[in-house]
Every structure is written in C-alpha cells, then in structure tokens.
Amino acid sequence: MEYDSILLDYAVKTKEKGVIIRFYGWNPPCVSLGRNQSAENINSAYCIENKIDIVKRVTGGRGLLHDDEVTYSFICPVTMLEHGESIIQSYKEISYAIIKGFSHLDIQLELGGKKPIEASHDYCMLLSTGADLSYNGKKLIGSAQYRTQGYILQHGSVLFSYKKEVIENIFNEKTPANSITCMQEINKDITRQDVINAMTRGFNDCFD
C-alpha cells in the first residue's frame, strides 16, 4: 500500500493523464486501517500473537483483514472521469468497470449496499455503502478512496475466502454469514489470475 502512495505521488508529479492499475496479494496477513481510523478497537494482542501486521493506509474507510484476496489499486486524474469531481459518481464509474470485468467471468455484481450503515462496525466488509460491490446481496468487494492535487487513488479488495473466527477476534464483533461472500463460495474454479485478467479487461473497456 505504501507503493500505491508512491505511484500516486508519481502520477501527480508527472501529471499522468492515463490510468495506473496495480494488483497484489498479501504475505503475511495484514490489517489495514483507514486514513482516519483509530486502532483503539482492534485486538492488537491477538494480531501480534498470530503474526498479523497492522498498518495505516492512505485511503479512507474502516479496517480490513487482507489475507486470501486480490487487492487492486486504481489511480487516475479527476478530469479523466466523466463525473470525477463527485466522490459518489467516481466510485460508480470505477465500479461499473469492475462490474463489466466480472461479467467476463459470468458473475453479475451489483453496485451499492442493501443494508443500512451501522457506525459501530470497525470491519469494513460489514458496512454497506455506495462503494460496495455485491453478489446476490452479499458484499464481495469493498473499496475506499483518497484524493490529492486533482488525482484519485482507489483501493479495493476482492475476497477469495475469509476466516470468520479470525475476523471476529481482530475486530471484536460478530460477522453475520449473510453479509459477506467470497470467490470460493461463488465459483471455486476461478483463480486469482482469472480475476485479475477479467478486471483488467473491464478497466480497459471503460478507460482505454
């Protein structure tokens, strides 16, 4: 995630006119906290005991356990998007590209959350916002943004699997089974590379 910040600084410095896209995974697992989020409610002792790093990311939102997933970062000038000045509309434009990408995997994603936001949740995937992408009403991809000097950095995580007990221990809250889904539940035969290829196609279709 620090490298994403470096890429964002590079885009600003060079006045990059196109899109910078990056995909990556995690080893060891890591909890990233949103830009303005406190670690007060995170079980840091459990994280230390289980060798789970805790970092602060530049984008907003709540905490997230990064483990078995594909993480994407998307960087572009605000002016490249049709409605880039609007945070909500920019989320939608980027999300539509991801929806288009997943359609190549015969997976139809939905934009936005169906559940009301509950402020008590420190785990990002339990929140429902306009930045969500869901499958059959369950959240699959959570995203967050940061903006500086006319540029957008958007992070997002595509869950391949998740450990309910680990998440509950880290964030000290229950994880309802009907709130989250993952690629293993949707289609076990789809690989990380398949997801990366599909999302790349979606981004190219919409922003080439």
N, C-alpha and C. Protein backbone atom coordinates (compact mmCIF):
# COMPACT_ATOMS: atom_id res chain seq x y z
N MET A 1 0.83 -1.21 0.00
CA MET A 1 0.00 0.00 0.00
C MET A 1 0.86 1.25 0.00
N GLU A 2 2.02 1.19 0.61
CA GLU A 2 2.95 2.32 0.53
C GLU A 2 3.37 2.56 -0.92
N TYR A 3 3.53 1.47 -1.66
CA TYR A 3 3.90 1.60 -3.07
C TYR A 3 2.78 2.28 -3.86
N ASP A 4 1.53 2.02 -3.49
CA ASP A 4 0.41 2.73 -4.13
C ASP A 4 0.53 4.23 -3.91
N SER A 5 0.91 4.62 -2.70
CA SER A 5 1.10 6.05 -2.40
C SER A 5 2.23 6.64 -3.22
N ILE A 6 3.28 5.84 -3.42
CA ILE A 6 4.40 6.28 -4.26
C ILE A 6 3.94 6.48 -5.70
N LEU A 7 3.14 5.55 -6.19
CA LEU A 7 2.61 5.67 -7.56
C LEU A 7 1.70 6.90 -7.70
N LEU A 8 0.92 7.16 -6.66
CA LEU A 8 0.05 8.35 -6.68
C LEU A 8 0.91 9.62 -6.74
N ASP A 9 1.95 9.68 -5.93
CA ASP A 9 2.86 10.83 -5.96
C ASP A 9 3.51 10.99 -7.33
N TYR A 10 3.85 9.85 -7.93
CA TYR A 10 4.45 9.86 -9.28
C TYR A 10 3.46 10.43 -10.29
N ALA A 11 2.20 10.00 -10.21
CA ALA A 11 1.18 10.48 -11.14
C ALA A 11 1.00 11.99 -11.01
N VAL A 12 0.98 12.48 -9.78
CA VAL A 12 0.83 13.92 -9.54
C VAL A 12 2.05 14.67 -10.09
N LYS A 13 3.24 14.18 -9.80
CA LYS A 13 4.47 14.86 -10.20
C LYS A 13 4.63 14.92 -11.71
N THR A 14 4.28 13.83 -12.39
CA THR A 14 4.47 13.76 -13.85
C THR A 14 3.23 14.20 -14.61
N LYS A 15 2.17 14.55 -13.88
CA LYS A 15 0.90 14.95 -14.49
C LYS A 15 0.37 13.86 -15.42
N GLU A 16 0.41 12.64 -14.92
CA GLU A 16 -0.06 11.47 -15.67
C GLU A 16 -1.50 11.68 -16.13
N LYS A 17 -1.75 11.41 -17.42
CA LYS A 17 -3.08 11.64 -17.99
C LYS A 17 -3.92 10.37 -18.07
N GLY A 18 -3.27 9.22 -17.92
CA GLY A 18 -4.00 7.96 -18.03
C GLY A 18 -4.25 7.31 -16.68
N VAL A 19 -4.51 6.00 -16.73
CA VAL A 19 -4.83 5.21 -15.54
C VAL A 19 -3.63 4.36 -15.15
N ILE A 20 -3.37 4.27 -13.86
CA ILE A 20 -2.38 3.33 -13.32
C ILE A 20 -3.15 2.29 -12.51
N ILE A 21 -2.99 1.02 -12.87
CA ILE A 21 -3.70 -0.06 -12.19
C ILE A 21 -2.67 -1.05 -11.65
N ARG A 22 -2.89 -1.50 -10.44
CA ARG A 22 -1.99 -2.46 -9.81
C ARG A 22 -2.80 -3.51 -9.08
N PHE A 23 -2.35 -4.77 -9.16
CA PHE A 23 -2.97 -5.87 -8.41
C PHE A 23 -1.91 -6.53 -7.53
N TYR A 24 -2.31 -6.94 -6.34
CA TYR A 24 -1.35 -7.61 -5.47
C TYR A 24 -2.05 -8.44 -4.41
N GLY A 25 -1.26 -9.26 -3.69
CA GLY A 25 -1.76 -10.09 -2.60
C GLY A 25 -0.96 -9.83 -1.34
N TRP A 26 -1.12 -10.70 -0.35
CA TRP A 26 -0.57 -10.42 0.99
C TRP A 26 0.10 -11.65 1.59
N ASN A 27 1.29 -11.43 2.15
CA ASN A 27 2.01 -12.45 2.91
C ASN A 27 3.04 -11.77 3.80
N PRO A 28 2.85 -11.76 5.12
CA PRO A 28 1.78 -12.42 5.90
C PRO A 28 0.49 -11.62 5.84
N PRO A 29 -0.59 -12.16 6.46
CA PRO A 29 -1.84 -11.40 6.53
C PRO A 29 -1.62 -10.06 7.23
N CYS A 30 -2.49 -9.12 6.93
CA CYS A 30 -2.31 -7.76 7.46
C CYS A 30 -3.66 -7.09 7.66
N VAL A 31 -3.76 -6.32 8.73
CA VAL A 31 -4.92 -5.45 8.93
C VAL A 31 -4.52 -4.05 8.50
N SER A 32 -5.27 -3.46 7.58
CA SER A 32 -5.04 -2.07 7.23
C SER A 32 -6.17 -1.23 7.80
N LEU A 33 -5.79 -0.12 8.42
CA LEU A 33 -6.76 0.80 9.00
C LEU A 33 -6.96 1.98 8.07
N GLY A 34 -8.19 2.48 7.98
CA GLY A 34 -8.47 3.63 7.16
C GLY A 34 -7.72 4.86 7.63
N ARG A 35 -7.57 5.80 6.75
CA ARG A 35 -6.76 7.00 6.99
C ARG A 35 -7.08 7.69 8.31
N ASN A 36 -8.35 7.76 8.66
CA ASN A 36 -8.76 8.47 9.87
C ASN A 36 -9.25 7.53 10.98
N GLN A 37 -8.97 6.24 10.83
CA GLN A 37 -9.47 5.26 11.79
C GLN A 37 -8.48 5.02 12.92
N SER A 38 -8.99 4.93 14.12
CA SER A 38 -8.17 4.61 15.28
C SER A 38 -8.04 3.10 15.43
N ALA A 39 -6.91 2.67 16.01
CA ALA A 39 -6.70 1.24 16.27
C ALA A 39 -7.26 0.84 17.63
N GLU A 40 -8.01 1.74 18.26
CA GLU A 40 -8.49 1.54 19.62
C GLU A 40 -9.29 0.26 19.77
N ASN A 41 -10.13 -0.08 18.79
CA ASN A 41 -11.00 -1.24 18.91
C ASN A 41 -10.44 -2.49 18.25
N ILE A 42 -9.19 -2.43 17.80
CA ILE A 42 -8.55 -3.59 17.18
C ILE A 42 -7.84 -4.40 18.26
N ASN A 43 -7.98 -5.71 18.20
CA ASN A 43 -7.33 -6.59 19.16
C ASN A 43 -5.88 -6.78 18.75
N SER A 44 -5.04 -5.82 19.11
CA SER A 44 -3.64 -5.83 18.69
C SER A 44 -2.87 -7.00 19.30
N ALA A 45 -3.23 -7.39 20.52
CA ALA A 45 -2.55 -8.53 21.16
C ALA A 45 -2.78 -9.81 20.36
N TYR A 46 -4.02 -9.99 19.88
CA TYR A 46 -4.33 -11.16 19.04
C TYR A 46 -3.53 -11.11 17.73
N CYS A 47 -3.44 -9.91 17.14
CA CYS A 47 -2.69 -9.76 15.89
C CYS A 47 -1.21 -10.09 16.09
N ILE A 48 -0.62 -9.61 17.18
CA ILE A 48 0.79 -9.90 17.46
C ILE A 48 1.01 -11.39 17.65
N GLU A 49 0.11 -12.01 18.43
CA GLU A 49 0.22 -13.44 18.72
C GLU A 49 0.13 -14.27 17.45
N ASN A 50 -0.68 -13.82 16.48
CA ASN A 50 -0.90 -14.58 15.25
C ASN A 50 -0.12 -14.03 14.06
N LYS A 51 0.85 -13.16 14.34
CA LYS A 51 1.74 -12.61 13.31
C LYS A 51 0.97 -11.93 12.19
N ILE A 52 -0.01 -11.13 12.58
CA ILE A 52 -0.79 -10.34 11.63
C ILE A 52 -0.37 -8.88 11.78
N ASP A 53 0.20 -8.32 10.72
CA ASP A 53 0.67 -6.94 10.77
C ASP A 53 -0.52 -5.98 10.85
N ILE A 54 -0.28 -4.78 11.37
CA ILE A 54 -1.28 -3.71 11.37
C ILE A 54 -0.64 -2.47 10.74
N VAL A 55 -1.27 -1.94 9.70
CA VAL A 55 -0.73 -0.76 9.03
C VAL A 55 -1.83 0.28 8.85
N LYS A 56 -1.43 1.49 8.59
CA LYS A 56 -2.36 2.58 8.26
C LYS A 56 -2.24 2.85 6.77
N ARG A 57 -3.38 2.87 6.06
CA ARG A 57 -3.35 3.13 4.63
C ARG A 57 -3.76 4.58 4.36
N VAL A 58 -3.46 5.07 3.17
CA VAL A 58 -3.74 6.46 2.83
C VAL A 58 -5.22 6.68 2.53
N THR A 59 -5.92 5.62 2.04
CA THR A 59 -7.34 5.77 1.71
C THR A 59 -8.20 5.71 2.98
N GLY A 60 -9.44 6.14 2.85
CA GLY A 60 -10.35 6.19 3.98
C GLY A 60 -11.00 4.85 4.28
N GLY A 61 -12.13 4.93 4.97
CA GLY A 61 -12.87 3.72 5.30
C GLY A 61 -12.45 3.09 6.61
N ARG A 62 -12.98 1.89 6.86
CA ARG A 62 -12.72 1.17 8.10
C ARG A 62 -11.65 0.09 7.88
N GLY A 63 -11.35 -0.63 8.97
CA GLY A 63 -10.30 -1.64 8.93
C GLY A 63 -10.68 -2.85 8.09
N LEU A 64 -9.66 -3.51 7.58
CA LEU A 64 -9.87 -4.68 6.74
C LEU A 64 -8.74 -5.67 6.96
N LEU A 65 -9.09 -6.95 7.08
CA LEU A 65 -8.08 -8.00 7.14
C LEU A 65 -7.75 -8.43 5.72
N HIS A 66 -6.51 -8.24 5.32
CA HIS A 66 -6.03 -8.65 4.00
C HIS A 66 -5.35 -10.01 4.14
N ASP A 67 -5.93 -11.01 3.52
CA ASP A 67 -5.37 -12.36 3.62
C ASP A 67 -5.51 -13.05 2.28
N ASP A 68 -6.55 -13.85 2.12
CA ASP A 68 -6.75 -14.58 0.87
C ASP A 68 -7.62 -13.73 -0.06
N GLU A 69 -6.98 -12.85 -0.80
CA GLU A 69 -7.72 -11.90 -1.63
C GLU A 69 -6.85 -11.40 -2.78
N VAL A 70 -7.49 -10.71 -3.70
CA VAL A 70 -6.80 -9.88 -4.70
C VAL A 70 -7.10 -8.43 -4.36
N THR A 71 -6.06 -7.65 -4.14
CA THR A 71 -6.22 -6.22 -3.88
C THR A 71 -5.92 -5.46 -5.16
N TYR A 72 -6.74 -4.47 -5.47
CA TYR A 72 -6.46 -3.63 -6.63
C TYR A 72 -6.24 -2.20 -6.18
N SER A 73 -5.45 -1.46 -6.94
CA SER A 73 -5.38 -0.01 -6.76
C SER A 73 -5.56 0.63 -8.13
N PHE A 74 -6.29 1.73 -8.15
CA PHE A 74 -6.66 2.42 -9.38
C PHE A 74 -6.34 3.89 -9.18
N ILE A 75 -5.49 4.43 -10.02
CA ILE A 75 -5.07 5.83 -9.92
C ILE A 75 -5.38 6.53 -11.24
N CYS A 76 -5.99 7.70 -11.16
CA CYS A 76 -6.27 8.47 -12.37
C CYS A 76 -6.48 9.93 -12.01
N PRO A 77 -6.33 10.84 -13.01
CA PRO A 77 -6.69 12.24 -12.75
C PRO A 77 -8.21 12.37 -12.64
N VAL A 78 -8.64 13.27 -11.79
CA VAL A 78 -10.07 13.52 -11.61
C VAL A 78 -10.74 13.84 -12.94
N THR A 79 -10.05 14.57 -13.79
CA THR A 79 -10.62 15.02 -15.06
C THR A 79 -10.83 13.89 -16.06
N MET A 80 -10.23 12.72 -15.81
CA MET A 80 -10.38 11.61 -16.74
C MET A 80 -11.75 10.95 -16.64
N LEU A 81 -12.38 11.08 -15.47
CA LEU A 81 -13.70 10.50 -15.26
C LEU A 81 -14.77 11.51 -15.66
N GLU A 82 -15.89 11.01 -16.11
CA GLU A 82 -16.98 11.88 -16.57
C GLU A 82 -17.48 12.78 -15.45
N HIS A 83 -17.56 12.20 -14.24
CA HIS A 83 -18.03 12.96 -13.08
C HIS A 83 -17.01 12.82 -11.95
N GLY A 84 -15.74 13.04 -12.27
CA GLY A 84 -14.67 12.80 -11.32
C GLY A 84 -14.70 13.69 -10.09
N GLU A 85 -15.30 14.87 -10.20
CA GLU A 85 -15.34 15.78 -9.06
C GLU A 85 -16.25 15.26 -7.95
N SER A 86 -17.17 14.37 -8.30
CA SER A 86 -18.10 13.80 -7.33
C SER A 86 -17.53 12.49 -6.80
N ILE A 87 -17.37 12.40 -5.50
CA ILE A 87 -16.86 11.16 -4.91
C ILE A 87 -17.80 10.00 -5.21
N ILE A 88 -19.10 10.21 -5.01
CA ILE A 88 -20.07 9.14 -5.22
C ILE A 88 -20.07 8.69 -6.68
N GLN A 89 -20.10 9.66 -7.61
CA GLN A 89 -20.16 9.31 -9.03
C GLN A 89 -18.86 8.67 -9.50
N SER A 90 -17.73 9.09 -8.95
CA SER A 90 -16.46 8.48 -9.35
C SER A 90 -16.39 7.03 -8.88
N TYR A 91 -16.90 6.75 -7.68
CA TYR A 91 -16.99 5.37 -7.22
C TYR A 91 -17.81 4.54 -8.22
N LYS A 92 -18.92 5.12 -8.66
CA LYS A 92 -19.79 4.39 -9.59
C LYS A 92 -19.09 4.12 -10.91
N GLU A 93 -18.38 5.11 -11.45
CA GLU A 93 -17.70 4.92 -12.74
C GLU A 93 -16.65 3.82 -12.65
N ILE A 94 -15.87 3.84 -11.58
CA ILE A 94 -14.84 2.81 -11.41
C ILE A 94 -15.48 1.46 -11.15
N SER A 95 -16.56 1.46 -10.37
CA SER A 95 -17.25 0.20 -10.06
C SER A 95 -17.89 -0.41 -11.30
N TYR A 96 -18.42 0.41 -12.18
CA TYR A 96 -19.01 -0.13 -13.40
C TYR A 96 -17.98 -0.86 -14.24
N ALA A 97 -16.73 -0.38 -14.23
CA ALA A 97 -15.66 -1.07 -14.96
C ALA A 97 -15.39 -2.43 -14.33
N ILE A 98 -15.44 -2.51 -13.00
CA ILE A 98 -15.25 -3.79 -12.32
C ILE A 98 -16.42 -4.72 -12.60
N ILE A 99 -17.63 -4.18 -12.58
CA ILE A 99 -18.82 -4.99 -12.92
C ILE A 99 -18.67 -5.57 -14.32
N LYS A 100 -18.23 -4.74 -15.25
CA LYS A 100 -18.04 -5.20 -16.63
C LYS A 100 -16.98 -6.30 -16.68
N GLY A 101 -15.90 -6.12 -15.90
CA GLY A 101 -14.86 -7.14 -15.86
C GLY A 101 -15.38 -8.47 -15.35
N PHE A 102 -16.14 -8.44 -14.26
CA PHE A 102 -16.64 -9.68 -13.69
C PHE A 102 -17.68 -10.35 -14.59
N SER A 103 -18.31 -9.58 -15.46
CA SER A 103 -19.25 -10.19 -16.40
C SER A 103 -18.54 -11.16 -17.34
N HIS A 104 -17.24 -10.93 -17.57
CA HIS A 104 -16.46 -11.87 -18.40
C HIS A 104 -16.26 -13.20 -17.68
N LEU A 105 -16.50 -13.23 -16.37
CA LEU A 105 -16.44 -14.47 -15.59
C LEU A 105 -17.83 -15.05 -15.35
N ASP A 106 -18.82 -14.46 -16.01
CA ASP A 106 -20.23 -14.85 -15.83
C ASP A 106 -20.68 -14.63 -14.39
N ILE A 107 -20.16 -13.57 -13.77
CA ILE A 107 -20.57 -13.18 -12.43
C ILE A 107 -21.16 -11.78 -12.51
N GLN A 108 -22.42 -11.65 -12.13
CA GLN A 108 -23.11 -10.37 -12.21
C GLN A 108 -23.09 -9.68 -10.84
N LEU A 109 -22.29 -8.66 -10.73
CA LEU A 109 -22.18 -7.92 -9.48
C LEU A 109 -23.18 -6.78 -9.45
N GLU A 110 -23.50 -6.33 -8.24
CA GLU A 110 -24.45 -5.24 -8.04
C GLU A 110 -23.74 -4.09 -7.33
N LEU A 111 -24.09 -2.90 -7.72
CA LEU A 111 -23.48 -1.71 -7.13
C LEU A 111 -24.25 -1.26 -5.90
N GLY A 112 -23.52 -0.93 -4.84
CA GLY A 112 -24.13 -0.36 -3.65
C GLY A 112 -24.58 -1.39 -2.66
N GLY A 113 -24.70 -0.96 -1.40
CA GLY A 113 -25.11 -1.86 -0.32
C GLY A 113 -26.62 -1.88 -0.17
N LYS A 114 -27.11 -2.99 0.36
CA LYS A 114 -28.54 -3.14 0.59
C LYS A 114 -28.90 -2.98 2.07
N LYS A 115 -27.89 -2.97 2.94
CA LYS A 115 -28.14 -2.85 4.37
C LYS A 115 -27.80 -1.45 4.84
N PRO A 116 -28.47 -0.93 5.88
CA PRO A 116 -28.13 0.39 6.41
C PRO A 116 -26.75 0.37 7.06
N ILE A 117 -26.05 1.51 7.01
CA ILE A 117 -24.75 1.61 7.65
C ILE A 117 -24.92 1.62 9.16
N GLU A 118 -24.12 0.82 9.83
CA GLU A 118 -24.11 0.80 11.28
C GLU A 118 -22.75 1.30 11.74
N ALA A 119 -22.73 2.44 12.42
CA ALA A 119 -21.48 3.11 12.75
C ALA A 119 -20.60 2.30 13.69
N SER A 120 -21.16 1.29 14.37
CA SER A 120 -20.38 0.53 15.34
C SER A 120 -19.37 -0.39 14.68
N HIS A 121 -19.55 -0.69 13.40
CA HIS A 121 -18.68 -1.66 12.73
C HIS A 121 -17.30 -1.08 12.45
N ASP A 122 -16.26 -1.78 12.94
CA ASP A 122 -14.89 -1.40 12.63
C ASP A 122 -14.35 -2.22 11.47
N TYR A 123 -15.03 -3.30 11.11
CA TYR A 123 -14.62 -4.15 9.99
C TYR A 123 -15.32 -3.68 8.73
N CYS A 124 -14.53 -3.29 7.75
CA CYS A 124 -15.04 -2.65 6.53
C CYS A 124 -16.12 -3.47 5.83
N MET A 125 -15.94 -4.79 5.76
CA MET A 125 -16.85 -5.61 4.98
C MET A 125 -18.24 -5.74 5.60
N LEU A 126 -18.42 -5.28 6.83
CA LEU A 126 -19.75 -5.29 7.45
C LEU A 126 -20.53 -4.02 7.17
N LEU A 127 -19.86 -3.03 6.57
CA LEU A 127 -20.54 -1.79 6.22
C LEU A 127 -21.10 -1.87 4.82
N SER A 128 -22.21 -1.19 4.59
CA SER A 128 -22.79 -1.11 3.26
C SER A 128 -22.80 0.34 2.81
N THR A 129 -22.11 0.61 1.72
CA THR A 129 -22.03 1.97 1.19
C THR A 129 -22.18 1.93 -0.33
N GLY A 130 -22.20 3.10 -0.93
CA GLY A 130 -22.28 3.19 -2.38
C GLY A 130 -21.03 2.71 -3.07
N ALA A 131 -19.97 2.44 -2.30
CA ALA A 131 -18.71 1.96 -2.88
C ALA A 131 -18.64 0.44 -2.90
N ASP A 132 -19.70 -0.23 -2.42
CA ASP A 132 -19.70 -1.69 -2.37
C ASP A 132 -19.98 -2.31 -3.73
N LEU A 133 -19.48 -3.52 -3.89
CA LEU A 133 -19.93 -4.38 -4.98
C LEU A 133 -20.35 -5.70 -4.36
N SER A 134 -21.58 -6.10 -4.66
CA SER A 134 -22.16 -7.28 -4.01
C SER A 134 -22.56 -8.33 -5.04
N TYR A 135 -22.68 -9.55 -4.55
CA TYR A 135 -23.17 -10.66 -5.36
C TYR A 135 -24.33 -11.30 -4.60
N ASN A 136 -25.50 -11.32 -5.23
CA ASN A 136 -26.70 -11.86 -4.59
C ASN A 136 -26.93 -11.24 -3.21
N GLY A 137 -26.71 -9.93 -3.11
CA GLY A 137 -26.98 -9.21 -1.88
C GLY A 137 -25.91 -9.31 -0.82
N LYS A 138 -24.83 -10.03 -1.09
CA LYS A 138 -23.74 -10.17 -0.13
C LYS A 138 -22.51 -9.43 -0.65
N LYS A 139 -21.83 -8.74 0.23
CA LYS A 139 -20.69 -7.91 -0.16
C LYS A 139 -19.50 -8.77 -0.55
N LEU A 140 -18.93 -8.50 -1.74
CA LEU A 140 -17.75 -9.21 -2.23
C LEU A 140 -16.53 -8.29 -2.28
N ILE A 141 -16.74 -7.04 -2.69
CA ILE A 141 -15.63 -6.10 -2.88
C ILE A 141 -15.92 -4.82 -2.11
N GLY A 142 -15.01 -4.44 -1.24
CA GLY A 142 -15.09 -3.17 -0.55
C GLY A 142 -14.00 -2.24 -1.06
N SER A 143 -14.30 -0.97 -1.23
CA SER A 143 -13.34 -0.02 -1.81
C SER A 143 -13.29 1.27 -0.99
N ALA A 144 -12.19 1.99 -1.13
CA ALA A 144 -12.01 3.27 -0.43
C ALA A 144 -11.16 4.18 -1.30
N GLN A 145 -11.33 5.50 -1.12
CA GLN A 145 -10.62 6.48 -1.95
C GLN A 145 -9.77 7.44 -1.13
N TYR A 146 -8.82 8.04 -1.84
CA TYR A 146 -8.07 9.20 -1.34
C TYR A 146 -7.83 10.11 -2.53
N ARG A 147 -7.92 11.43 -2.30
CA ARG A 147 -7.75 12.39 -3.37
C ARG A 147 -6.70 13.43 -2.99
N THR A 148 -5.89 13.81 -3.97
CA THR A 148 -4.91 14.86 -3.73
C THR A 148 -4.52 15.50 -5.05
N GLN A 149 -4.47 16.81 -5.07
CA GLN A 149 -3.98 17.59 -6.21
C GLN A 149 -4.56 17.15 -7.55
N GLY A 150 -5.86 16.88 -7.54
CA GLY A 150 -6.54 16.54 -8.78
C GLY A 150 -6.42 15.09 -9.21
N TYR A 151 -5.98 14.20 -8.29
CA TYR A 151 -5.84 12.77 -8.62
C TYR A 151 -6.59 11.92 -7.60
N ILE A 152 -7.04 10.75 -8.06
CA ILE A 152 -7.78 9.80 -7.24
C ILE A 152 -6.97 8.52 -7.08
N LEU A 153 -6.89 8.02 -5.87
CA LEU A 153 -6.41 6.67 -5.61
C LEU A 153 -7.56 5.90 -4.99
N GLN A 154 -7.93 4.80 -5.63
CA GLN A 154 -8.98 3.94 -5.07
C GLN A 154 -8.40 2.55 -4.83
N HIS A 155 -8.55 2.08 -3.59
CA HIS A 155 -8.18 0.72 -3.21
C HIS A 155 -9.42 -0.15 -3.16
N GLY A 156 -9.26 -1.43 -3.41
CA GLY A 156 -10.37 -2.36 -3.21
C GLY A 156 -9.86 -3.77 -3.01
N SER A 157 -10.65 -4.59 -2.31
CA SER A 157 -10.27 -5.97 -2.00
C SER A 157 -11.33 -6.93 -2.50
N VAL A 158 -10.90 -7.93 -3.27
CA VAL A 158 -11.78 -8.99 -3.75
C VAL A 158 -11.51 -10.22 -2.89
N LEU A 159 -12.45 -10.60 -2.04
CA LEU A 159 -12.23 -11.74 -1.15
C LEU A 159 -12.27 -13.06 -1.90
N PHE A 160 -11.26 -13.90 -1.67
CA PHE A 160 -11.30 -15.27 -2.20
C PHE A 160 -11.82 -16.23 -1.13
N SER A 161 -11.43 -16.00 0.09
CA SER A 161 -12.01 -16.72 1.23
C SER A 161 -11.82 -15.82 2.45
N TYR A 162 -12.48 -16.15 3.54
CA TYR A 162 -12.28 -15.39 4.76
C TYR A 162 -12.47 -16.30 5.96
N LYS A 163 -11.73 -15.99 7.02
CA LYS A 163 -11.79 -16.79 8.25
C LYS A 163 -12.64 -16.02 9.26
N LYS A 164 -13.87 -16.46 9.41
CA LYS A 164 -14.84 -15.75 10.26
C LYS A 164 -14.33 -15.58 11.69
N GLU A 165 -13.76 -16.63 12.26
CA GLU A 165 -13.29 -16.57 13.65
C GLU A 165 -12.16 -15.57 13.80
N VAL A 166 -11.24 -15.55 12.84
CA VAL A 166 -10.11 -14.62 12.89
C VAL A 166 -10.60 -13.18 12.83
N ILE A 167 -11.51 -12.91 11.91
CA ILE A 167 -12.06 -11.56 11.76
C ILE A 167 -12.75 -11.11 13.04
N GLU A 168 -13.53 -12.00 13.63
CA GLU A 168 -14.25 -11.65 14.85
C GLU A 168 -13.29 -11.38 16.01
N ASN A 169 -12.20 -12.14 16.07
CA ASN A 169 -11.21 -11.92 17.12
C ASN A 169 -10.47 -10.60 16.95
N ILE A 170 -10.17 -10.24 15.70
CA ILE A 170 -9.44 -8.99 15.44
C ILE A 170 -10.30 -7.77 15.72
N PHE A 171 -11.54 -7.79 15.23
CA PHE A 171 -12.38 -6.60 15.28
C PHE A 171 -13.39 -6.60 16.43
N ASN A 172 -13.38 -7.69 17.21
CA ASN A 172 -14.24 -7.75 18.40
C ASN A 172 -15.72 -7.54 18.08
N GLU A 173 -16.17 -8.14 16.99
CA GLU A 173 -17.59 -8.05 16.64
C GLU A 173 -17.98 -9.25 15.79
N LYS A 174 -19.24 -9.60 15.84
CA LYS A 174 -19.74 -10.75 15.11
C LYS A 174 -19.78 -10.45 13.61
N THR A 175 -19.57 -11.50 12.81
CA THR A 175 -19.61 -11.39 11.35
C THR A 175 -20.78 -12.22 10.83
N PRO A 176 -21.94 -11.61 10.57
CA PRO A 176 -23.10 -12.36 10.08
C PRO A 176 -22.79 -13.05 8.76
N ALA A 177 -23.17 -14.31 8.67
CA ALA A 177 -22.86 -15.10 7.47
C ALA A 177 -23.55 -14.56 6.22
N ASN A 178 -24.67 -13.87 6.42
CA ASN A 178 -25.42 -13.37 5.25
C ASN A 178 -24.94 -12.00 4.78
N SER A 179 -23.85 -11.49 5.35
CA SER A 179 -23.37 -10.15 4.98
C SER A 179 -22.26 -10.18 3.94
N ILE A 180 -21.46 -11.24 3.92
CA ILE A 180 -20.26 -11.29 3.11
C ILE A 180 -20.25 -12.55 2.26
N THR A 181 -19.67 -12.46 1.07
CA THR A 181 -19.42 -13.64 0.27
C THR A 181 -17.98 -13.58 -0.25
N CYS A 182 -17.55 -14.60 -0.94
CA CYS A 182 -16.18 -14.66 -1.45
C CYS A 182 -16.15 -15.51 -2.72
N MET A 183 -15.04 -15.46 -3.42
CA MET A 183 -14.94 -16.19 -4.68
C MET A 183 -15.05 -17.69 -4.49
N GLN A 184 -14.58 -18.21 -3.35
CA GLN A 184 -14.69 -19.64 -3.09
C GLN A 184 -16.14 -20.08 -2.98
N GLU A 185 -17.01 -19.20 -2.52
CA GLU A 185 -18.43 -19.51 -2.42
C GLU A 185 -19.13 -19.34 -3.76
N ILE A 186 -18.64 -18.43 -4.58
CA ILE A 186 -19.28 -18.15 -5.87
C ILE A 186 -18.88 -19.17 -6.93
N ASN A 187 -17.57 -19.39 -7.06
CA ASN A 187 -17.07 -20.35 -8.05
C ASN A 187 -15.64 -20.73 -7.68
N LYS A 188 -15.45 -21.93 -7.15
CA LYS A 188 -14.14 -22.38 -6.67
C LYS A 188 -13.12 -22.54 -7.79
N ASP A 189 -13.59 -22.65 -9.02
CA ASP A 189 -12.67 -22.88 -10.14
C ASP A 189 -12.01 -21.60 -10.66
N ILE A 190 -12.51 -20.45 -10.23
CA ILE A 190 -11.95 -19.17 -10.69
C ILE A 190 -10.70 -18.86 -9.87
N THR A 191 -9.60 -18.59 -10.58
CA THR A 191 -8.32 -18.32 -9.92
C THR A 191 -8.12 -16.82 -9.73
N ARG A 192 -7.09 -16.47 -8.97
CA ARG A 192 -6.74 -15.06 -8.81
C ARG A 192 -6.37 -14.44 -10.14
N GLN A 193 -5.63 -15.20 -10.95
CA GLN A 193 -5.25 -14.66 -12.25
C GLN A 193 -6.46 -14.44 -13.13
N ASP A 194 -7.46 -15.31 -13.02
CA ASP A 194 -8.71 -15.11 -13.77
C ASP A 194 -9.36 -13.77 -13.38
N VAL A 195 -9.39 -13.49 -12.08
CA VAL A 195 -9.99 -12.24 -11.59
C VAL A 195 -9.18 -11.04 -12.08
N ILE A 196 -7.86 -11.13 -12.00
CA ILE A 196 -7.01 -10.04 -12.47
C ILE A 196 -7.22 -9.79 -13.95
N ASN A 197 -7.25 -10.86 -14.74
CA ASN A 197 -7.46 -10.72 -16.19
C ASN A 197 -8.81 -10.09 -16.49
N ALA A 198 -9.85 -10.53 -15.78
CA ALA A 198 -11.19 -10.03 -16.03
C ALA A 198 -11.30 -8.55 -15.64
N MET A 199 -10.76 -8.19 -14.49
CA MET A 199 -10.81 -6.80 -14.07
C MET A 199 -10.01 -5.91 -15.01
N THR A 200 -8.88 -6.41 -15.48
CA THR A 200 -8.08 -5.66 -16.44
C THR A 200 -8.88 -5.39 -17.72
N ARG A 201 -9.61 -6.40 -18.18
CA ARG A 201 -10.46 -6.23 -19.36
C ARG A 201 -11.53 -5.18 -19.11
N GLY A 202 -12.12 -5.22 -17.93
CA GLY A 202 -13.16 -4.25 -17.60
C GLY A 202 -12.61 -2.83 -17.58
N PHE A 203 -11.44 -2.64 -16.95
CA PHE A 203 -10.82 -1.32 -16.91
C PHE A 203 -10.46 -0.85 -18.31
N ASN A 204 -9.91 -1.76 -19.13
CA ASN A 204 -9.54 -1.38 -20.48
C ASN A 204 -10.78 -1.03 -21.31
N ASP A 205 -11.86 -1.77 -21.14
CA ASP A 205 -13.10 -1.49 -21.87
C ASP A 205 -13.63 -0.09 -21.56
N CYS A 206 -13.49 0.32 -20.29
CA CYS A 206 -14.11 1.58 -19.86
C CYS A 206 -13.17 2.77 -19.88
N PHE A 207 -11.87 2.53 -19.79
CA PHE A 207 -10.94 3.66 -19.65
C PHE A 207 -9.81 3.65 -20.66
N ASP A 208 -9.85 2.79 -21.64
CA ASP A 208 -8.77 2.72 -22.63
C ASP A 208 -8.75 3.98 -23.49
